[in-house]
């Protein structure tokens, strides 16, 4: 995955392509408040820093869940 330019404003389509998910998934993340975005006219823009933070938090959450499952298996 290419580094994220944290100063740039990303479109929903760019975020979706970067994360390899659908545009609808990005809209759901925005609507749920998991991925902060700003509204520009009828469109959303996501700060690169917010995208990087979301991805980092997701990795940490998955790693924590994997540890919990491994602990339960013992």
PDB file of N, CA and C in Angstrom:
ATOM      1  N   UNK A   1       0.850  -1.177   0.000  1.00  0.00           N
ATOM      2  CA  UNK A   1       0.000   0.000   0.000  1.00  0.00           C
ATOM      3  C   UNK A   1       0.896   1.241   0.000  1.00  0.00           C
ATOM      4  N   UNK A   2       0.591   2.176  -0.867  1.00  0.00           N
ATOM      5  CA  UNK A   2       1.378   3.404  -0.963  1.00  0.00           C
ATOM      6  C   UNK A   2       1.155   4.274   0.266  1.00  0.00           C
ATOM      7  N   UNK A   3       2.171   5.070   0.630  1.00  0.00           N
ATOM      8  CA  UNK A   3       1.990   5.971   1.782  1.00  0.00           C
ATOM      9  C   UNK A   3       0.867   6.968   1.519  1.00  0.00           C
ATOM     10  N   UNK A   4       0.236   7.397   2.587  1.00  0.00           N
ATOM     11  CA  UNK A   4      -0.886   8.335   2.483  1.00  0.00           C
ATOM     12  C   UNK A   4      -0.374   9.751   2.693  1.00  0.00           C
ATOM     13  N   UNK A   5      -0.669  10.622   1.721  1.00  0.00           N
ATOM     14  CA  UNK A   5      -0.347  12.042   1.857  1.00  0.00           C
ATOM     15  C   UNK A   5      -1.328  12.631   2.858  1.00  0.00           C
ATOM     16  N   UNK A   6      -0.855  12.903   4.068  1.00  0.00           N
ATOM     17  CA  UNK A   6      -1.745  13.296   5.160  1.00  0.00           C
ATOM     18  C   UNK A   6      -2.296  14.712   5.021  1.00  0.00           C
ATOM     19  N   UNK A   7      -1.721  15.528   4.151  1.00  0.00           N
ATOM     20  CA  UNK A   7      -2.208  16.900   3.966  1.00  0.00           C
ATOM     21  C   UNK A   7      -3.258  17.000   2.862  1.00  0.00           C
ATOM     22  N   UNK A   8      -3.427  15.955   2.110  1.00  0.00           N
ATOM     23  CA  UNK A   8      -4.314  15.957   0.950  1.00  0.00           C
ATOM     24  C   UNK A   8      -5.753  15.626   1.349  1.00  0.00           C
ATOM     25  N   UNK A   9      -6.708  16.175   0.619  1.00  0.00           N
ATOM     26  CA  UNK A   9      -8.106  15.799   0.773  1.00  0.00           C
ATOM     27  C   UNK A   9      -8.429  14.736  -0.272  1.00  0.00           C
ATOM     28  N   UNK A  10      -8.935  13.609   0.184  1.00  0.00           N
ATOM     29  CA  UNK A  10      -9.231  12.471  -0.685  1.00  0.00           C
ATOM     30  C   UNK A  10     -10.717  12.428  -0.996  1.00  0.00           C
ATOM     31  N   UNK A  11     -11.070  12.001  -2.205  1.00  0.00           N
ATOM     32  CA  UNK A  11     -12.464  11.780  -2.552  1.00  0.00           C
ATOM     33  C   UNK A  11     -12.884  10.409  -2.038  1.00  0.00           C
ATOM     34  N   UNK A  12     -14.183  10.177  -1.997  1.00  0.00           N
ATOM     35  CA  UNK A  12     -14.698   8.869  -1.589  1.00  0.00           C
ATOM     36  C   UNK A  12     -14.162   7.789  -2.526  1.00  0.00           C
ATOM     37  N   UNK A  13     -14.164   8.061  -3.815  1.00  0.00           N
ATOM     38  CA  UNK A  13     -13.675   7.075  -4.790  1.00  0.00           C
ATOM     39  C   UNK A  13     -12.195   6.766  -4.576  1.00  0.00           C
ATOM     40  N   UNK A  14     -11.392   7.770  -4.266  1.00  0.00           N
ATOM     41  CA  UNK A  14      -9.962   7.549  -4.028  1.00  0.00           C
ATOM     42  C   UNK A  14      -9.732   6.716  -2.768  1.00  0.00           C
ATOM     43  N   UNK A  15     -10.498   7.018  -1.715  1.00  0.00           N
ATOM     44  CA  UNK A  15     -10.389   6.242  -0.475  1.00  0.00           C
ATOM     45  C   UNK A  15     -10.794   4.797  -0.740  1.00  0.00           C
ATOM     46  N   UNK A  16     -11.892   4.610  -1.454  1.00  0.00           N
ATOM     47  CA  UNK A  16     -12.372   3.262  -1.760  1.00  0.00           C
ATOM     48  C   UNK A  16     -11.327   2.482  -2.553  1.00  0.00           C
ATOM     49  N   UNK A  17     -10.732   3.128  -3.539  1.00  0.00           N
ATOM     50  CA  UNK A  17      -9.700   2.460  -4.336  1.00  0.00           C
ATOM     51  C   UNK A  17      -8.482   2.122  -3.481  1.00  0.00           C
ATOM     52  N   UNK A  18      -8.070   3.046  -2.639  1.00  0.00           N
ATOM     53  CA  UNK A  18      -6.904   2.830  -1.785  1.00  0.00           C
ATOM     54  C   UNK A  18      -7.135   1.666  -0.822  1.00  0.00           C
ATOM     55  N   UNK A  19      -8.342   1.603  -0.266  1.00  0.00           N
ATOM     56  CA  UNK A  19      -8.658   0.546   0.700  1.00  0.00           C
ATOM     57  C   UNK A  19      -9.176  -0.731   0.032  1.00  0.00           C
ATOM     58  N   UNK A  20      -9.407  -0.663  -1.283  1.00  0.00           N
ATOM     59  CA  UNK A  20      -9.945  -1.790  -2.058  1.00  0.00           C
ATOM     60  C   UNK A  20     -11.299  -2.249  -1.521  1.00  0.00           C
ATOM     61  N   UNK A  21     -12.175  -1.263  -1.329  1.00  0.00           N
ATOM     62  CA  UNK A  21     -13.558  -1.504  -0.922  1.00  0.00           C
ATOM     63  C   UNK A  21     -14.449  -0.703  -1.867  1.00  0.00           C
ATOM     64  N   UNK A  22     -15.751  -0.860  -1.737  1.00  0.00           N
ATOM     65  CA  UNK A  22     -16.677  -0.107  -2.587  1.00  0.00           C
ATOM     66  C   UNK A  22     -16.870   1.317  -2.048  1.00  0.00           C
ATOM     67  N   UNK A  23     -17.363   2.178  -2.923  1.00  0.00           N
ATOM     68  CA  UNK A  23     -17.699   3.541  -2.496  1.00  0.00           C
ATOM     69  C   UNK A  23     -18.735   3.490  -1.379  1.00  0.00           C
ATOM     70  N   UNK A  24     -19.684   2.562  -1.478  1.00  0.00           N
ATOM     71  CA  UNK A  24     -20.747   2.451  -0.474  1.00  0.00           C
ATOM     72  C   UNK A  24     -20.157   2.137   0.902  1.00  0.00           C
ATOM     73  N   UNK A  25     -19.133   1.320   0.955  1.00  0.00           N
ATOM     74  CA  UNK A  25     -18.476   1.013   2.234  1.00  0.00           C
ATOM     75  C   UNK A  25     -17.896   2.284   2.841  1.00  0.00           C
ATOM     76  N   UNK A  26     -17.279   3.122   2.023  1.00  0.00           N
ATOM     77  CA  UNK A  26     -16.708   4.384   2.521  1.00  0.00           C
ATOM     78  C   UNK A  26     -17.827   5.291   3.018  1.00  0.00           C
ATOM     79  N   UNK A  27     -18.932   5.370   2.265  1.00  0.00           N
ATOM     80  CA  UNK A  27     -20.072   6.181   2.718  1.00  0.00           C
ATOM     81  C   UNK A  27     -20.612   5.670   4.059  1.00  0.00           C
ATOM     82  N   UNK A  28     -20.667   4.359   4.227  1.00  0.00           N
ATOM     83  CA  UNK A  28     -21.140   3.792   5.507  1.00  0.00           C
ATOM     84  C   UNK A  28     -20.193   4.158   6.651  1.00  0.00           C
ATOM     85  N   UNK A  29     -18.895   4.116   6.395  1.00  0.00           N
ATOM     86  CA  UNK A  29     -17.917   4.492   7.424  1.00  0.00           C
ATOM     87  C   UNK A  29     -18.081   5.959   7.806  1.00  0.00           C
ATOM     88  N   UNK A  30     -18.342   6.799   6.822  1.00  0.00           N
ATOM     89  CA  UNK A  30     -18.550   8.226   7.087  1.00  0.00           C
ATOM     90  C   UNK A  30     -19.838   8.417   7.894  1.00  0.00           C
ATOM     91  N   UNK A  31     -20.921   7.775   7.455  1.00  0.00           N
ATOM     92  CA  UNK A  31     -22.211   7.931   8.126  1.00  0.00           C
ATOM     93  C   UNK A  31     -22.165   7.445   9.571  1.00  0.00           C
ATOM     94  N   UNK A  32     -21.419   6.358   9.831  1.00  0.00           N
ATOM     95  CA  UNK A  32     -21.332   5.814  11.189  1.00  0.00           C
ATOM     96  C   UNK A  32     -20.413   6.641  12.087  1.00  0.00           C
ATOM     97  N   UNK A  33     -19.635   7.540  11.478  1.00  0.00           N
ATOM     98  CA  UNK A  33     -18.699   8.357  12.258  1.00  0.00           C
ATOM     99  C   UNK A  33     -17.343   7.705  12.446  1.00  0.00           C
ATOM    100  N   UNK A  34     -17.156   6.520  11.878  1.00  0.00           N
ATOM    101  CA  UNK A  34     -15.869   5.837  12.004  1.00  0.00           C
ATOM    102  C   UNK A  34     -14.772   6.514  11.179  1.00  0.00           C
ATOM    103  N   UNK A  35     -15.167   7.142  10.081  1.00  0.00           N
ATOM    104  CA  UNK A  35     -14.213   7.829   9.210  1.00  0.00           C
ATOM    105  C   UNK A  35     -14.678   9.281   9.064  1.00  0.00           C
ATOM    106  N   UNK A  36     -14.029  10.206   9.769  1.00  0.00           N
ATOM    107  CA  UNK A  36     -14.433  11.614   9.689  1.00  0.00           C
ATOM    108  C   UNK A  36     -14.260  12.172   8.273  1.00  0.00           C
ATOM    109  N   UNK A  37     -15.203  12.995   7.863  1.00  0.00           N
ATOM    110  CA  UNK A  37     -15.153  13.603   6.536  1.00  0.00           C
ATOM    111  C   UNK A  37     -15.774  14.990   6.592  1.00  0.00           C
ATOM    112  N   UNK A  38     -15.460  15.787   5.585  1.00  0.00           N
ATOM    113  CA  UNK A  38     -16.082  17.098   5.464  1.00  0.00           C
ATOM    114  C   UNK A  38     -16.924  17.099   4.195  1.00  0.00           C
ATOM    115  N   UNK A  39     -17.926  17.924   4.183  1.00  0.00           N
ATOM    116  CA  UNK A  39     -18.809  18.020   3.028  1.00  0.00           C
ATOM    117  C   UNK A  39     -18.378  19.214   2.195  1.00  0.00           C
ATOM    118  N   UNK A  40     -18.161  19.000   0.906  1.00  0.00           N
ATOM    119  CA  UNK A  40     -17.832  20.069  -0.037  1.00  0.00           C
ATOM    120  C   UNK A  40     -18.906  20.027  -1.108  1.00  0.00           C
ATOM    121  N   UNK A  41     -19.866  20.935  -0.999  1.00  0.00           N
ATOM    122  CA  UNK A  41     -21.010  20.874  -1.902  1.00  0.00           C
ATOM    123  C   UNK A  41     -21.796  19.611  -1.624  1.00  0.00           C
ATOM    124  N   UNK A  42     -21.981  18.773  -2.649  1.00  0.00           N
ATOM    125  CA  UNK A  42     -22.697  17.514  -2.484  1.00  0.00           C
ATOM    126  C   UNK A  42     -21.755  16.345  -2.217  1.00  0.00           C
ATOM    127  N   UNK A  43     -20.470  16.615  -2.195  1.00  0.00           N
ATOM    128  CA  UNK A  43     -19.475  15.552  -2.084  1.00  0.00           C
ATOM    129  C   UNK A  43     -18.763  15.568  -0.734  1.00  0.00           C
ATOM    130  N   UNK A  44     -18.193  14.431  -0.393  1.00  0.00           N
ATOM    131  CA  UNK A  44     -17.391  14.321   0.822  1.00  0.00           C
ATOM    132  C   UNK A  44     -15.907  14.327   0.470  1.00  0.00           C
ATOM    133  N   UNK A  45     -15.117  14.838   1.408  1.00  0.00           N
ATOM    134  CA  UNK A  45     -13.662  14.768   1.305  1.00  0.00           C
ATOM    135  C   UNK A  45     -13.142  14.249   2.636  1.00  0.00           C
ATOM    136  N   UNK A  46     -12.115  13.426   2.557  1.00  0.00           N
ATOM    137  CA  UNK A  46     -11.525  12.828   3.754  1.00  0.00           C
ATOM    138  C   UNK A  46     -10.071  13.278   3.821  1.00  0.00           C
ATOM    139  N   UNK A  47      -9.693  13.822   4.974  1.00  0.00           N
ATOM    140  CA  UNK A  47      -8.290  14.219   5.164  1.00  0.00           C
ATOM    141  C   UNK A  47      -7.410  12.983   5.192  1.00  0.00           C
ATOM    142  N   UNK A  48      -6.262  13.084   4.574  1.00  0.00           N
ATOM    143  CA  UNK A  48      -5.317  11.969   4.561  1.00  0.00           C
ATOM    144  C   UNK A  48      -4.964  11.513   5.966  1.00  0.00           C
ATOM    145  N   UNK A  49      -4.841  12.447   6.892  1.00  0.00           N
ATOM    146  CA  UNK A  49      -4.518  12.088   8.276  1.00  0.00           C
ATOM    147  C   UNK A  49      -5.632  11.244   8.887  1.00  0.00           C
ATOM    148  N   UNK A  50      -6.884  11.610   8.621  1.00  0.00           N
ATOM    149  CA  UNK A  50      -8.017  10.844   9.157  1.00  0.00           C
ATOM    150  C   UNK A  50      -8.045   9.432   8.564  1.00  0.00           C
ATOM    151  N   UNK A  51      -7.735   9.324   7.280  1.00  0.00           N
ATOM    152  CA  UNK A  51      -7.679   8.013   6.633  1.00  0.00           C
ATOM    153  C   UNK A  51      -6.577   7.161   7.245  1.00  0.00           C
ATOM    154  N   UNK A  52      -5.394   7.744   7.416  1.00  0.00           N
ATOM    155  CA  UNK A  52      -4.278   7.010   8.021  1.00  0.00           C
ATOM    156  C   UNK A  52      -4.606   6.579   9.441  1.00  0.00           C
ATOM    157  N   UNK A  53      -5.225   7.467  10.210  1.00  0.00           N
ATOM    158  CA  UNK A  53      -5.616   7.133  11.587  1.00  0.00           C
ATOM    159  C   UNK A  53      -6.620   5.983  11.619  1.00  0.00           C
ATOM    160  N   UNK A  54      -7.603   6.018  10.702  1.00  0.00           N
ATOM    161  CA  UNK A  54      -8.607   4.957  10.646  1.00  0.00           C
ATOM    162  C   UNK A  54      -7.948   3.608  10.321  1.00  0.00           C
ATOM    163  N   UNK A  55      -7.065   3.603   9.343  1.00  0.00           N
ATOM    164  CA  UNK A  55      -6.401   2.356   8.957  1.00  0.00           C
ATOM    165  C   UNK A  55      -5.533   1.839  10.100  1.00  0.00           C
ATOM    166  N   UNK A  56      -4.769   2.717  10.749  1.00  0.00           N
ATOM    167  CA  UNK A  56      -3.933   2.304  11.883  1.00  0.00           C
ATOM    168  C   UNK A  56      -4.779   1.723  13.011  1.00  0.00           C
ATOM    169  N   UNK A  57      -5.887   2.379  13.329  1.00  0.00           N
ATOM    170  CA  UNK A  57      -6.760   1.895  14.399  1.00  0.00           C
ATOM    171  C   UNK A  57      -7.366   0.543  14.035  1.00  0.00           C
ATOM    172  N   UNK A  58      -7.691   0.348  12.766  1.00  0.00           N
ATOM    173  CA  UNK A  58      -8.253  -0.934  12.324  1.00  0.00           C
ATOM    174  C   UNK A  58      -7.249  -2.056  12.487  1.00  0.00           C
ATOM    175  N   UNK A  59      -5.993  -1.792  12.138  1.00  0.00           N
ATOM    176  CA  UNK A  59      -4.949  -2.803  12.307  1.00  0.00           C
ATOM    177  C   UNK A  59      -4.761  -3.148  13.776  1.00  0.00           C
ATOM    178  N   UNK A  60      -4.765  -2.147  14.628  1.00  0.00           N
ATOM    179  CA  UNK A  60      -4.588  -2.377  16.057  1.00  0.00           C
ATOM    180  C   UNK A  60      -5.760  -3.172  16.629  1.00  0.00           C
ATOM    181  N   UNK A  61      -6.982  -2.851  16.165  1.00  0.00           N
ATOM    182  CA  UNK A  61      -8.171  -3.532  16.645  1.00  0.00           C
ATOM    183  C   UNK A  61      -8.148  -5.001  16.226  1.00  0.00           C
ATOM    184  N   UNK A  62      -7.761  -5.284  15.004  1.00  0.00           N
ATOM    185  CA  UNK A  62      -7.700  -6.660  14.513  1.00  0.00           C
ATOM    186  C   UNK A  62      -6.627  -7.438  15.263  1.00  0.00           C
ATOM    187  N   UNK A  63      -5.485  -6.824  15.499  1.00  0.00           N
ATOM    188  CA  UNK A  63      -4.410  -7.497  16.232  1.00  0.00           C
ATOM    189  C   UNK A  63      -4.859  -7.825  17.654  1.00  0.00           C
ATOM    190  N   UNK A  64      -5.566  -6.902  18.285  1.00  0.00           N
ATOM    191  CA  UNK A  64      -6.062  -7.122  19.641  1.00  0.00           C
ATOM    192  C   UNK A  64      -7.081  -8.256  19.669  1.00  0.00           C
ATOM    193  N   UNK A  65      -7.981  -8.291  18.694  1.00  0.00           N
ATOM    194  CA  UNK A  65      -8.979  -9.355  18.620  1.00  0.00           C
ATOM    195  C   UNK A  65      -8.315 -10.707  18.397  1.00  0.00           C
ATOM    196  N   UNK A  66      -7.276 -10.752  17.583  1.00  0.00           N
ATOM    197  CA  UNK A  66      -6.562 -12.002  17.329  1.00  0.00           C
ATOM    198  C   UNK A  66      -5.897 -12.512  18.616  1.00  0.00           C
ATOM    199  N   UNK A  67      -5.339 -11.597  19.409  1.00  0.00           N
ATOM    200  CA  UNK A  67      -4.731 -11.990  20.683  1.00  0.00           C
ATOM    201  C   UNK A  67      -5.788 -12.542  21.627  1.00  0.00           C
ATOM    202  N   UNK A  68      -6.951 -11.898  21.663  1.00  0.00           N
ATOM    203  CA  UNK A  68      -8.041 -12.362  22.532  1.00  0.00           C
ATOM    204  C   UNK A  68      -8.483 -13.773  22.158  1.00  0.00           C
ATOM    205  N   UNK A  69      -8.598 -14.035  20.879  1.00  0.00           N
ATOM    206  CA  UNK A  69      -9.004 -15.364  20.415  1.00  0.00           C
ATOM    207  C   UNK A  69      -7.944 -16.400  20.783  1.00  0.00           C
ATOM    208  N   UNK A  70      -6.674 -16.032  20.628  1.00  0.00           N
ATOM    209  CA  UNK A  70      -5.592 -16.954  20.972  1.00  0.00           C
ATOM    210  C   UNK A  70      -5.585 -17.226  22.484  1.00  0.00           C
ATOM    211  N   UNK A  71      -5.846 -16.214  23.286  1.00  0.00           N
ATOM    212  CA  UNK A  71      -5.892 -16.398  24.741  1.00  0.00           C
ATOM    213  C   UNK A  71      -7.047 -17.308  25.137  1.00  0.00           C
ATOM    214  N   UNK A  72      -8.185 -17.163  24.489  1.00  0.00           N
ATOM    215  CA  UNK A  72      -9.352 -17.994  24.799  1.00  0.00           C
ATOM    216  C   UNK A  72      -9.101 -19.452  24.416  1.00  0.00           C
ATOM    217  N   UNK A  73      -8.291 -19.681  23.383  1.00  0.00           N
ATOM    218  CA  UNK A  73      -8.023 -21.034  22.927  1.00  0.00           C
ATOM    219  C   UNK A  73      -7.113 -21.783  23.900  1.00  0.00           C
ATOM    220  N   UNK A  74      -6.394 -21.064  24.726  1.00  0.00           N
ATOM    221  CA  UNK A  74      -5.462 -21.712  25.661  1.00  0.00           C
ATOM    222  C   UNK A  74      -6.168 -22.264  26.825  1.00  0.00           C
TER     223      UNK A  74
END
